[in-house]
């Protein structure tokens, strides 16, 4: 119960506001530290589950750890940060497929997500420009990860529902991030990106506590 309440509270009520504050006043190192700390909050329940319930939860914890490092690096180096993020996504893919093997749900979801991504890239092709290749590589990796997450809903368990919801929120967060990267946006968009991102990571991490219900 402490983890179920403490991790989200620390992440959303402490790390998130401090990240937004320090980023707003251009204290980027402090902002990055708090951003990374928010993701580490989600890693704690995954580590506890790995120790107490199932060692395979370490894979989820590693994914969160890689994303926590990426959260810091991305503020200063885009491509290394994106590479770390994709490495984290690959760990997530391995973890989700361990829980629920590939099914029709996975494939249908993947086709839909790739179609959405292709449409976004096509409609914004002038703004994307020479960034098409790196954007596409990340988009495909993200789509596979989210499809594997959403596919977990097929088992109808608490963990499966949490993972599926986390995958959907991750996709929403990165979609907003994609448009913010291309076009000027208000501060409210940054809040939407971070809230949905942290919510997704928290759902992934906390879902490990329900590992035996899948």
Foldseek 3Di string as FASTA:
>chain_A
DCLVPVLVCCLVVPLVVQLLVCVVVPVLQSNLLSLLVNLVSLLVLLVVLCVPPNVLSVLLSQLSNLLSVLSNCCSPDPPVSLVSNLVSLVSLLVSLCVQPPDDPQLVVQLVVQVVVVVVVCVVCVVLCDPVVVVVVVSSNSLSNSLSSLLVLCVVVFPLSVLSNQLSVLQSVLVVLVVVVVRDPDDVVSVVSNSVSNSSSSNSSSNSSVVVVRD
